[in-house]
């Protein structure tokens, strides 16, 4: 008997339809993820050479971690993006900035497509951010993309992120950026339903 994965968050984009987020299953989703993270367009994900087993192992590790979570994003019911959230006071940015209560770290990756849709990636990041701010405890989203990833910097800015400074991580020089609930709502005209 197959079970339908639980939908944790959903929103409808007036132009592009329904986006939703479900928990990631590191075993059932490994083949799908492998195709996404090893694609040339996912170079900044830093898993280009990963084997299927390595991808499965990495996402099993993430989903088992108390402070790191992974999700599959759906567009009109079909897998379309990968999302991760983490506690930046315990992972990724430990010692690199002054973490505050209510900070949540985020990564996202849009699946490669042969037929790009105008505005799609922006709608994905809007969905990711809205899902994070759906948690009343979330005050500020923290990101640390590679400084060379100009496309994601523009997307981050479009949803309200403000760059603070470059930080040196073991694997990259990152642009530390922050987005408060108020900035997200102002940038996207979305109401997260949680008082600021």
N, C-alpha and C. Protein backbone atom coordinates (compact mmCIF):
# COMPACT_ATOMS: atom_id res chain seq x y z
N UNK A 1 0.84 -1.17 0.00
CA UNK A 1 0.00 0.00 0.00
C UNK A 1 0.89 1.25 0.00
N UNK A 2 0.72 2.12 -0.99
CA UNK A 2 1.53 3.34 -1.03
C UNK A 2 0.80 4.44 -0.28
N UNK A 3 1.59 5.30 0.34
CA UNK A 3 1.01 6.43 1.06
C UNK A 3 1.44 7.71 0.37
N UNK A 4 0.56 8.67 0.35
CA UNK A 4 0.88 9.96 -0.22
C UNK A 4 1.63 10.76 0.83
N UNK A 5 2.82 11.33 0.46
CA UNK A 5 3.55 12.11 1.46
C UNK A 5 2.73 13.30 1.96
N UNK A 6 2.93 13.62 3.21
CA UNK A 6 2.21 14.71 3.86
C UNK A 6 2.64 16.05 3.27
N UNK A 7 1.68 16.88 2.92
CA UNK A 7 1.97 18.24 2.46
C UNK A 7 2.10 19.13 3.71
N UNK A 8 3.25 19.77 3.84
CA UNK A 8 3.52 20.60 5.02
C UNK A 8 3.12 22.05 4.80
N UNK A 9 3.16 22.48 3.55
CA UNK A 9 2.87 23.87 3.22
C UNK A 9 2.45 23.94 1.76
N UNK A 10 1.52 24.82 1.44
CA UNK A 10 1.12 25.02 0.04
C UNK A 10 0.69 26.47 -0.16
N UNK A 11 0.93 26.95 -1.35
CA UNK A 11 0.47 28.29 -1.73
C UNK A 11 0.16 28.28 -3.22
N UNK A 12 -0.72 29.17 -3.63
CA UNK A 12 -1.06 29.28 -5.04
C UNK A 12 -0.52 30.59 -5.58
N UNK A 13 0.24 30.47 -6.65
CA UNK A 13 0.75 31.63 -7.37
C UNK A 13 -0.28 31.96 -8.46
N UNK A 14 -0.72 33.20 -8.53
CA UNK A 14 -1.78 33.59 -9.47
C UNK A 14 -1.43 33.24 -10.91
N UNK A 15 -0.15 33.33 -11.25
CA UNK A 15 0.25 33.07 -12.64
C UNK A 15 0.68 31.63 -12.88
N UNK A 16 1.29 31.00 -11.87
CA UNK A 16 1.95 29.71 -12.10
C UNK A 16 1.29 28.52 -11.43
N UNK A 17 0.28 28.74 -10.61
CA UNK A 17 -0.42 27.60 -10.03
C UNK A 17 0.04 27.26 -8.63
N UNK A 18 -0.16 26.00 -8.26
CA UNK A 18 0.05 25.56 -6.88
C UNK A 18 1.46 25.05 -6.65
N UNK A 19 2.04 25.54 -5.56
CA UNK A 19 3.34 25.07 -5.07
C UNK A 19 3.11 24.47 -3.70
N UNK A 20 3.81 23.38 -3.40
CA UNK A 20 3.65 22.73 -2.09
C UNK A 20 4.99 22.17 -1.65
N UNK A 21 5.09 21.86 -0.38
CA UNK A 21 6.32 21.32 0.19
C UNK A 21 5.97 20.10 1.02
N UNK A 22 6.74 19.04 0.81
CA UNK A 22 6.55 17.80 1.58
C UNK A 22 7.90 17.36 2.14
N UNK A 23 7.89 16.49 3.16
CA UNK A 23 9.16 15.98 3.67
C UNK A 23 9.90 15.20 2.59
N UNK A 24 11.21 15.25 2.65
CA UNK A 24 12.05 14.49 1.73
C UNK A 24 12.26 13.09 2.30
N UNK A 25 12.17 12.08 1.46
CA UNK A 25 12.49 10.70 1.85
C UNK A 25 13.82 10.37 1.21
N UNK A 26 14.91 10.26 1.99
CA UNK A 26 16.24 10.10 1.40
C UNK A 26 16.39 8.85 0.54
N UNK A 27 15.55 7.86 0.76
CA UNK A 27 15.67 6.63 -0.02
C UNK A 27 14.77 6.68 -1.25
N UNK A 28 13.51 6.99 -1.05
CA UNK A 28 12.57 7.06 -2.18
C UNK A 28 12.92 8.19 -3.14
N UNK A 29 13.50 9.28 -2.63
CA UNK A 29 13.80 10.45 -3.46
C UNK A 29 15.23 10.50 -3.97
N UNK A 30 16.06 9.52 -3.61
CA UNK A 30 17.49 9.59 -3.94
C UNK A 30 17.76 9.70 -5.44
N UNK A 31 17.07 8.92 -6.26
CA UNK A 31 17.33 8.97 -7.70
C UNK A 31 16.96 10.33 -8.29
N UNK A 32 15.82 10.84 -7.87
CA UNK A 32 15.38 12.17 -8.30
C UNK A 32 16.41 13.22 -7.90
N UNK A 33 16.82 13.21 -6.63
CA UNK A 33 17.79 14.17 -6.11
C UNK A 33 19.12 14.06 -6.84
N UNK A 34 19.55 12.84 -7.10
CA UNK A 34 20.83 12.64 -7.77
C UNK A 34 20.84 13.35 -9.12
N UNK A 35 19.76 13.25 -9.86
CA UNK A 35 19.67 13.92 -11.15
C UNK A 35 19.72 15.44 -11.02
N UNK A 36 19.16 15.94 -9.94
CA UNK A 36 19.15 17.40 -9.72
C UNK A 36 20.51 17.92 -9.27
N UNK A 37 21.10 17.30 -8.24
CA UNK A 37 22.31 17.87 -7.63
C UNK A 37 23.57 17.65 -8.46
N UNK A 38 23.53 16.69 -9.40
CA UNK A 38 24.70 16.46 -10.26
C UNK A 38 24.56 17.15 -11.62
N UNK A 39 23.46 17.82 -11.86
CA UNK A 39 23.25 18.53 -13.12
C UNK A 39 24.21 19.72 -13.20
N UNK A 40 24.71 20.04 -14.39
CA UNK A 40 25.64 21.18 -14.52
C UNK A 40 25.09 22.49 -13.95
N UNK A 41 23.77 22.69 -14.01
CA UNK A 41 23.19 23.94 -13.49
C UNK A 41 23.23 23.99 -11.96
N UNK A 42 23.55 22.87 -11.33
CA UNK A 42 23.60 22.82 -9.86
C UNK A 42 25.04 22.89 -9.34
N UNK A 43 25.92 23.52 -10.10
CA UNK A 43 27.34 23.57 -9.72
C UNK A 43 27.56 24.12 -8.31
N UNK A 44 26.78 25.15 -7.93
CA UNK A 44 26.98 25.75 -6.61
C UNK A 44 26.46 24.87 -5.47
N UNK A 45 25.77 23.77 -5.81
CA UNK A 45 25.31 22.83 -4.78
C UNK A 45 26.47 21.96 -4.30
N UNK A 46 27.54 21.91 -5.09
CA UNK A 46 28.79 21.22 -4.76
C UNK A 46 28.64 19.70 -4.58
N UNK A 47 27.77 19.10 -5.40
CA UNK A 47 27.64 17.63 -5.38
C UNK A 47 27.75 17.06 -6.80
N UNK A 48 28.44 17.78 -7.69
CA UNK A 48 28.52 17.41 -9.09
C UNK A 48 29.00 15.98 -9.34
N UNK A 49 29.93 15.53 -8.54
CA UNK A 49 30.52 14.20 -8.75
C UNK A 49 29.92 13.12 -7.85
N UNK A 50 28.89 13.45 -7.10
CA UNK A 50 28.33 12.51 -6.13
C UNK A 50 27.66 11.32 -6.82
N UNK A 51 27.86 10.15 -6.26
CA UNK A 51 27.18 8.95 -6.75
C UNK A 51 25.78 8.91 -6.16
N UNK A 52 24.94 8.04 -6.69
CA UNK A 52 23.59 7.87 -6.16
C UNK A 52 23.65 7.50 -4.67
N UNK A 53 24.56 6.59 -4.32
CA UNK A 53 24.70 6.17 -2.92
C UNK A 53 25.13 7.33 -2.03
N UNK A 54 26.03 8.17 -2.53
CA UNK A 54 26.48 9.32 -1.75
C UNK A 54 25.36 10.32 -1.52
N UNK A 55 24.52 10.53 -2.53
CA UNK A 55 23.38 11.43 -2.38
C UNK A 55 22.40 10.87 -1.35
N UNK A 56 22.12 9.59 -1.46
CA UNK A 56 21.22 8.92 -0.50
C UNK A 56 21.76 9.06 0.92
N UNK A 57 23.05 8.81 1.07
CA UNK A 57 23.69 8.88 2.39
C UNK A 57 23.65 10.31 2.94
N UNK A 58 23.93 11.30 2.10
CA UNK A 58 23.92 12.69 2.55
C UNK A 58 22.54 13.12 3.02
N UNK A 59 21.50 12.74 2.26
CA UNK A 59 20.15 13.15 2.66
C UNK A 59 19.60 12.32 3.80
N UNK A 60 20.10 11.11 3.96
CA UNK A 60 19.73 10.33 5.15
C UNK A 60 20.34 11.01 6.39
N UNK A 61 21.56 11.49 6.25
CA UNK A 61 22.23 12.20 7.35
C UNK A 61 21.45 13.48 7.70
N UNK A 62 21.07 14.26 6.67
CA UNK A 62 20.35 15.51 6.91
C UNK A 62 18.99 15.25 7.58
N UNK A 63 18.23 14.30 7.05
CA UNK A 63 16.90 14.07 7.60
C UNK A 63 16.94 13.48 9.02
N UNK A 64 18.06 12.86 9.38
CA UNK A 64 18.20 12.31 10.73
C UNK A 64 18.68 13.37 11.73
N UNK A 65 19.16 14.50 11.22
CA UNK A 65 19.74 15.54 12.08
C UNK A 65 18.65 16.39 12.73
N UNK A 66 18.82 16.63 13.99
CA UNK A 66 17.83 17.40 14.77
C UNK A 66 17.70 18.85 14.29
N UNK A 67 18.79 19.42 13.76
CA UNK A 67 18.79 20.84 13.41
C UNK A 67 18.90 21.11 11.91
N UNK A 68 18.68 20.09 11.10
CA UNK A 68 18.78 20.23 9.63
C UNK A 68 17.62 19.44 9.02
N UNK A 69 16.90 20.05 8.08
CA UNK A 69 15.72 19.41 7.51
C UNK A 69 15.74 19.56 5.99
N UNK A 70 15.21 18.58 5.31
CA UNK A 70 15.17 18.62 3.84
C UNK A 70 13.76 18.32 3.35
N UNK A 71 13.39 18.99 2.27
CA UNK A 71 12.03 18.90 1.74
C UNK A 71 12.06 18.87 0.22
N UNK A 72 11.04 18.25 -0.34
CA UNK A 72 10.83 18.29 -1.79
C UNK A 72 9.71 19.28 -2.05
N UNK A 73 9.97 20.19 -2.97
CA UNK A 73 8.95 21.15 -3.37
C UNK A 73 8.24 20.66 -4.62
N UNK A 74 6.95 20.86 -4.65
CA UNK A 74 6.13 20.40 -5.76
C UNK A 74 5.53 21.60 -6.50
N UNK A 75 5.41 21.45 -7.81
CA UNK A 75 4.66 22.42 -8.62
C UNK A 75 3.57 21.64 -9.31
N UNK A 76 2.33 22.01 -9.06
CA UNK A 76 1.18 21.29 -9.62
C UNK A 76 1.31 19.78 -9.35
N UNK A 77 1.79 19.44 -8.16
CA UNK A 77 1.88 18.05 -7.73
C UNK A 77 3.12 17.29 -8.16
N UNK A 78 3.98 17.91 -8.99
CA UNK A 78 5.19 17.22 -9.48
C UNK A 78 6.44 17.79 -8.79
N UNK A 79 7.40 16.92 -8.43
CA UNK A 79 8.63 17.41 -7.80
C UNK A 79 9.32 18.45 -8.70
N UNK A 80 9.67 19.60 -8.09
CA UNK A 80 10.24 20.69 -8.88
C UNK A 80 11.39 21.41 -8.19
N UNK A 81 11.54 21.22 -6.87
CA UNK A 81 12.67 21.88 -6.20
C UNK A 81 12.99 21.18 -4.88
N UNK A 82 14.19 21.46 -4.41
CA UNK A 82 14.71 20.93 -3.16
C UNK A 82 14.86 22.10 -2.20
N UNK A 83 14.52 21.89 -0.97
CA UNK A 83 14.64 22.93 0.06
C UNK A 83 15.25 22.32 1.30
N UNK A 84 16.14 23.08 1.92
CA UNK A 84 16.69 22.68 3.22
C UNK A 84 16.54 23.84 4.19
N UNK A 85 16.29 23.53 5.43
CA UNK A 85 16.32 24.52 6.49
C UNK A 85 17.23 23.99 7.60
N UNK A 86 17.86 24.92 8.32
CA UNK A 86 18.79 24.49 9.37
C UNK A 86 18.90 25.58 10.42
N UNK A 87 19.42 25.20 11.57
CA UNK A 87 19.66 26.14 12.65
C UNK A 87 21.07 26.71 12.46
N UNK A 88 21.20 27.98 12.03
CA UNK A 88 22.52 28.52 11.73
C UNK A 88 23.39 28.75 12.96
N UNK A 89 22.80 28.66 14.15
CA UNK A 89 23.62 28.77 15.36
C UNK A 89 24.33 27.46 15.67
N UNK A 90 23.91 26.37 14.98
CA UNK A 90 24.49 25.05 15.24
C UNK A 90 25.14 24.43 14.00
N UNK A 91 24.80 24.92 12.81
CA UNK A 91 25.32 24.36 11.55
C UNK A 91 25.66 25.50 10.58
N UNK A 92 26.56 25.22 9.68
CA UNK A 92 26.88 26.10 8.55
C UNK A 92 27.56 27.41 8.92
N UNK A 93 27.01 28.13 9.90
CA UNK A 93 27.51 29.48 10.19
C UNK A 93 27.99 29.67 11.62
N UNK A 94 28.26 28.58 12.30
CA UNK A 94 28.70 28.64 13.70
C UNK A 94 30.00 29.47 13.77
N UNK A 95 29.98 30.50 14.60
CA UNK A 95 31.16 31.32 14.79
C UNK A 95 31.40 32.36 13.70
N UNK A 96 30.55 32.40 12.68
CA UNK A 96 30.76 33.33 11.57
C UNK A 96 29.87 34.57 11.67
N UNK A 97 28.87 34.52 12.53
CA UNK A 97 28.02 35.69 12.75
C UNK A 97 27.34 35.52 14.10
N UNK A 98 26.74 36.60 14.60
CA UNK A 98 26.04 36.55 15.88
C UNK A 98 24.60 36.09 15.64
N UNK A 99 24.36 34.82 15.91
CA UNK A 99 23.02 34.26 15.72
C UNK A 99 22.05 34.85 16.73
N UNK A 100 20.80 35.00 16.28
CA UNK A 100 19.74 35.50 17.15
C UNK A 100 18.67 34.43 17.30
N UNK A 101 17.91 34.46 18.39
CA UNK A 101 16.75 33.56 18.49
C UNK A 101 15.82 33.86 17.31
N UNK A 102 15.27 32.84 16.71
CA UNK A 102 14.36 33.03 15.58
C UNK A 102 15.04 33.02 14.23
N UNK A 103 16.38 32.88 14.20
CA UNK A 103 17.09 32.76 12.92
C UNK A 103 16.89 31.36 12.35
N UNK A 104 16.70 31.28 11.05
CA UNK A 104 16.62 29.98 10.37
C UNK A 104 17.41 30.07 9.08
N UNK A 105 18.26 29.07 8.86
CA UNK A 105 19.05 29.02 7.64
C UNK A 105 18.28 28.31 6.54
N UNK A 106 18.62 28.62 5.29
CA UNK A 106 17.88 28.06 4.15
C UNK A 106 18.78 27.84 2.95
N UNK A 107 18.54 26.73 2.25
CA UNK A 107 19.11 26.47 0.93
C UNK A 107 17.96 26.04 0.03
N UNK A 108 18.04 26.35 -1.26
CA UNK A 108 17.05 25.81 -2.20
C UNK A 108 17.70 25.56 -3.54
N UNK A 109 17.16 24.60 -4.27
CA UNK A 109 17.67 24.23 -5.59
C UNK A 109 16.47 23.90 -6.47
N UNK A 110 16.38 24.60 -7.61
CA UNK A 110 15.30 24.34 -8.56
C UNK A 110 15.74 23.21 -9.49
N UNK A 111 14.86 22.27 -9.74
CA UNK A 111 15.17 21.14 -10.62
C UNK A 111 15.48 21.65 -12.02
N UNK A 112 16.44 21.01 -12.71
CA UNK A 112 16.72 21.40 -14.09
C UNK A 112 15.50 21.15 -14.97
N UNK A 113 15.33 21.99 -15.99
CA UNK A 113 14.18 21.84 -16.88
C UNK A 113 14.58 22.17 -18.31
N UNK A 114 14.02 21.43 -19.26
CA UNK A 114 14.24 21.71 -20.68
C UNK A 114 13.31 22.81 -21.17
N UNK A 115 12.28 23.10 -20.37
CA UNK A 115 11.30 24.12 -20.77
C UNK A 115 11.13 25.12 -19.63
N UNK A 116 12.07 26.08 -19.51
CA UNK A 116 11.98 27.05 -18.43
C UNK A 116 10.68 27.86 -18.49
N UNK A 117 10.15 28.20 -17.32
CA UNK A 117 8.92 28.99 -17.21
C UNK A 117 9.30 30.35 -16.60
N UNK A 118 8.92 31.41 -17.26
CA UNK A 118 9.22 32.75 -16.77
C UNK A 118 8.66 32.96 -15.36
N UNK A 119 9.52 33.44 -14.46
CA UNK A 119 9.10 33.72 -13.09
C UNK A 119 9.08 32.51 -12.17
N UNK A 120 9.44 31.33 -12.70
CA UNK A 120 9.31 30.11 -11.91
C UNK A 120 10.23 30.11 -10.68
N UNK A 121 11.51 30.42 -10.89
CA UNK A 121 12.46 30.36 -9.77
C UNK A 121 12.10 31.38 -8.69
N UNK A 122 11.63 32.54 -9.11
CA UNK A 122 11.21 33.54 -8.13
C UNK A 122 10.00 33.03 -7.34
N UNK A 123 9.08 32.34 -8.00
CA UNK A 123 7.94 31.79 -7.30
C UNK A 123 8.37 30.67 -6.34
N UNK A 124 9.40 29.92 -6.72
CA UNK A 124 9.93 28.88 -5.83
C UNK A 124 10.50 29.51 -4.57
N UNK A 125 11.37 30.50 -4.71
CA UNK A 125 11.99 31.10 -3.51
C UNK A 125 10.92 31.80 -2.66
N UNK A 126 9.91 32.35 -3.29
CA UNK A 126 8.81 32.96 -2.53
C UNK A 126 8.09 31.90 -1.71
N UNK A 127 7.85 30.73 -2.32
CA UNK A 127 7.21 29.62 -1.60
C UNK A 127 8.08 29.14 -0.44
N UNK A 128 9.37 28.98 -0.70
CA UNK A 128 10.31 28.55 0.34
C UNK A 128 10.26 29.52 1.52
N UNK A 129 10.35 30.80 1.23
CA UNK A 129 10.35 31.81 2.29
C UNK A 129 9.02 31.85 3.04
N UNK A 130 7.93 31.78 2.30
CA UNK A 130 6.60 31.79 2.95
C UNK A 130 6.45 30.59 3.87
N UNK A 131 6.99 29.45 3.46
CA UNK A 131 6.89 28.25 4.30
C UNK A 131 7.71 28.41 5.58
N UNK A 132 8.87 29.04 5.48
CA UNK A 132 9.70 29.25 6.67
C UNK A 132 9.02 30.23 7.62
N UNK A 133 8.46 31.31 7.08
CA UNK A 133 7.80 32.30 7.92
C UNK A 133 6.42 31.85 8.39
N UNK A 134 5.93 30.73 7.89
CA UNK A 134 4.68 30.16 8.41
C UNK A 134 4.86 29.69 9.86
N UNK A 135 6.13 29.47 10.25
CA UNK A 135 6.44 29.12 11.63
C UNK A 135 6.52 30.42 12.44
N UNK A 136 5.65 30.62 13.42
CA UNK A 136 5.66 31.86 14.20
C UNK A 136 7.00 32.14 14.88
N UNK A 137 7.80 31.09 15.12
CA UNK A 137 9.09 31.28 15.79
C UNK A 137 10.15 31.86 14.85
N UNK A 138 9.93 31.78 13.54
CA UNK A 138 10.92 32.28 12.58
C UNK A 138 10.85 33.80 12.52
N UNK A 139 11.97 34.44 12.81
CA UNK A 139 12.05 35.90 12.79
C UNK A 139 12.85 36.40 11.59
N UNK A 140 13.88 35.61 11.22
CA UNK A 140 14.81 36.07 10.20
C UNK A 140 15.39 34.86 9.48
N UNK A 141 15.43 34.92 8.15
CA UNK A 141 16.04 33.85 7.37
C UNK A 141 17.47 34.28 7.01
N UNK A 142 18.39 33.35 7.18
CA UNK A 142 19.81 33.60 6.96
C UNK A 142 20.26 32.73 5.79
N UNK A 143 20.99 33.31 4.84
CA UNK A 143 21.53 32.53 3.72
C UNK A 143 23.01 32.84 3.55
N UNK A 144 23.73 31.89 2.95
CA UNK A 144 25.17 32.05 2.74
C UNK A 144 25.55 31.49 1.37
N UNK A 145 24.98 32.07 0.28
CA UNK A 145 25.34 31.57 -1.04
C UNK A 145 26.76 31.96 -1.44
N UNK A 146 27.31 31.20 -2.35
CA UNK A 146 28.63 31.50 -2.91
C UNK A 146 28.62 32.93 -3.47
N UNK A 147 29.68 33.69 -3.20
CA UNK A 147 29.72 35.07 -3.69
C UNK A 147 29.64 35.16 -5.21
N UNK A 148 30.02 34.08 -5.90
CA UNK A 148 29.99 34.09 -7.38
C UNK A 148 28.60 33.80 -7.95
N UNK A 149 27.68 33.38 -7.11
CA UNK A 149 26.36 32.98 -7.59
C UNK A 149 25.44 34.21 -7.74
N UNK A 150 25.73 35.01 -8.78
CA UNK A 150 25.01 36.28 -8.99
C UNK A 150 23.51 36.07 -9.18
N UNK A 151 23.12 34.99 -9.83
CA UNK A 151 21.69 34.74 -10.08
C UNK A 151 20.93 34.60 -8.77
N UNK A 152 21.49 33.87 -7.82
CA UNK A 152 20.78 33.68 -6.55
C UNK A 152 20.81 34.95 -5.71
N UNK A 153 21.87 35.76 -5.83
CA UNK A 153 21.88 37.03 -5.10
C UNK A 153 20.71 37.90 -5.55
N UNK A 154 20.46 37.95 -6.86
CA UNK A 154 19.35 38.75 -7.40
C UNK A 154 18.01 38.22 -6.91
N UNK A 155 17.85 36.90 -6.89
CA UNK A 155 16.61 36.29 -6.39
C UNK A 155 16.42 36.59 -4.91
N UNK A 156 17.50 36.47 -4.15
CA UNK A 156 17.41 36.76 -2.72
C UNK A 156 16.97 38.19 -2.49
N UNK A 157 17.56 39.11 -3.23
CA UNK A 157 17.20 40.53 -3.10
C UNK A 157 15.72 40.75 -3.44
N UNK A 158 15.23 40.03 -4.45
CA UNK A 158 13.84 40.20 -4.89
C UNK A 158 12.83 39.82 -3.82
N UNK A 159 13.22 38.93 -2.88
CA UNK A 159 12.28 38.53 -1.82
C UNK A 159 12.61 39.19 -0.48
N UNK A 160 13.54 40.16 -0.49
CA UNK A 160 13.77 40.94 0.72
C UNK A 160 15.09 40.75 1.44
N UNK A 161 15.98 39.91 0.91
CA UNK A 161 17.28 39.74 1.59
C UNK A 161 18.15 40.97 1.44
N UNK A 162 18.90 41.25 2.49
CA UNK A 162 19.88 42.32 2.47
C UNK A 162 21.25 41.69 2.76
N UNK A 163 22.22 41.84 1.83
CA UNK A 163 23.56 41.30 2.08
C UNK A 163 24.23 42.06 3.22
N UNK A 164 24.94 41.32 4.06
CA UNK A 164 25.66 41.98 5.15
C UNK A 164 27.16 42.04 4.87
N UNK A 165 27.75 40.87 4.60
CA UNK A 165 29.19 40.83 4.34
C UNK A 165 29.58 39.46 3.82
N UNK A 166 30.80 39.37 3.32
CA UNK A 166 31.34 38.08 2.90
C UNK A 166 31.88 37.36 4.13
N UNK A 167 31.68 36.04 4.15
CA UNK A 167 32.27 35.20 5.19
C UNK A 167 32.99 34.04 4.53
N UNK A 168 34.07 33.62 5.15
CA UNK A 168 34.84 32.51 4.60
C UNK A 168 34.43 31.21 5.27
N UNK A 169 33.85 30.31 4.46
CA UNK A 169 33.50 28.98 4.93
C UNK A 169 34.55 28.01 4.40
N UNK A 170 34.63 26.80 4.95
CA UNK A 170 35.65 25.86 4.46
C UNK A 170 35.54 25.58 2.95
N UNK A 171 34.30 25.56 2.43
CA UNK A 171 34.09 25.16 1.04
C UNK A 171 33.90 26.32 0.08
N UNK A 172 33.77 27.57 0.60
CA UNK A 172 33.48 28.69 -0.29
C UNK A 172 33.59 30.02 0.44
N UNK A 173 33.68 31.09 -0.34
CA UNK A 173 33.48 32.44 0.19
C UNK A 173 32.01 32.73 -0.03
N UNK A 174 31.30 33.05 1.05
CA UNK A 174 29.84 33.19 0.99
C UNK A 174 29.42 34.63 1.26
N UNK A 175 28.27 35.00 0.69
CA UNK A 175 27.68 36.31 0.94
C UNK A 175 26.60 36.14 2.00
N UNK A 176 26.94 36.49 3.23
CA UNK A 176 25.99 36.38 4.35
C UNK A 176 24.89 37.42 4.17
N UNK A 177 23.65 36.96 4.12
CA UNK A 177 22.51 37.85 3.87
C UNK A 177 21.36 37.47 4.79
N UNK A 178 20.51 38.47 5.10
CA UNK A 178 19.41 38.28 6.03
C UNK A 178 18.12 38.81 5.45
N UNK A 179 17.01 38.17 5.82
CA UNK A 179 15.68 38.65 5.44
C UNK A 179 14.75 38.49 6.63
N UNK A 180 14.22 39.60 7.10
CA UNK A 180 13.25 39.56 8.19
C UNK A 180 11.86 39.29 7.61
N UNK A 181 10.95 38.91 8.47
CA UNK A 181 9.56 38.70 8.06
C UNK A 181 9.01 39.98 7.40
N UNK A 182 9.26 41.13 8.02
CA UNK A 182 8.73 42.40 7.49
C UNK A 182 9.30 42.70 6.10
N UNK A 183 10.59 42.45 5.90
CA UNK A 183 11.20 42.70 4.59
C UNK A 183 10.61 41.76 3.53
N UNK A 184 10.40 40.50 3.91
CA UNK A 184 9.81 39.54 2.97
C UNK A 184 8.41 39.99 2.57
N UNK A 185 7.61 40.35 3.56
CA UNK A 185 6.24 40.78 3.26
C UNK A 185 6.22 42.04 2.39
N UNK A 186 7.15 42.97 2.68
CA UNK A 186 7.21 44.21 1.88
C UNK A 186 7.66 43.92 0.45
N UNK A 187 8.61 43.01 0.28
CA UNK A 187 9.15 42.71 -1.05
C UNK A 187 8.18 41.92 -1.92
N UNK A 188 7.35 41.08 -1.30
CA UNK A 188 6.50 40.16 -2.06
C UNK A 188 5.02 40.51 -2.00
N UNK A 189 4.66 41.44 -1.13
CA UNK A 189 3.25 41.78 -0.89
C UNK A 189 2.45 40.60 -0.37
N UNK A 190 3.15 39.62 0.21
CA UNK A 190 2.48 38.47 0.83
C UNK A 190 2.38 38.72 2.32
N UNK A 191 1.32 38.27 2.92
CA UNK A 191 1.18 38.32 4.36
C UNK A 191 1.40 36.91 4.88
N UNK A 192 2.32 36.78 5.83
CA UNK A 192 2.63 35.45 6.34
C UNK A 192 1.63 34.99 7.39
N UNK A 193 0.74 35.89 7.78
CA UNK A 193 -0.30 35.49 8.72
C UNK A 193 0.16 35.44 10.16
N UNK A 194 1.43 35.85 10.38
CA UNK A 194 1.96 35.84 11.73
C UNK A 194 2.35 37.28 12.06
N UNK A 195 1.90 37.82 13.20
CA UNK A 195 2.25 39.21 13.52
C UNK A 195 3.76 39.40 13.59
N UNK A 196 4.22 40.50 13.06
CA UNK A 196 5.66 40.79 13.07
C UNK A 196 6.10 41.21 14.46
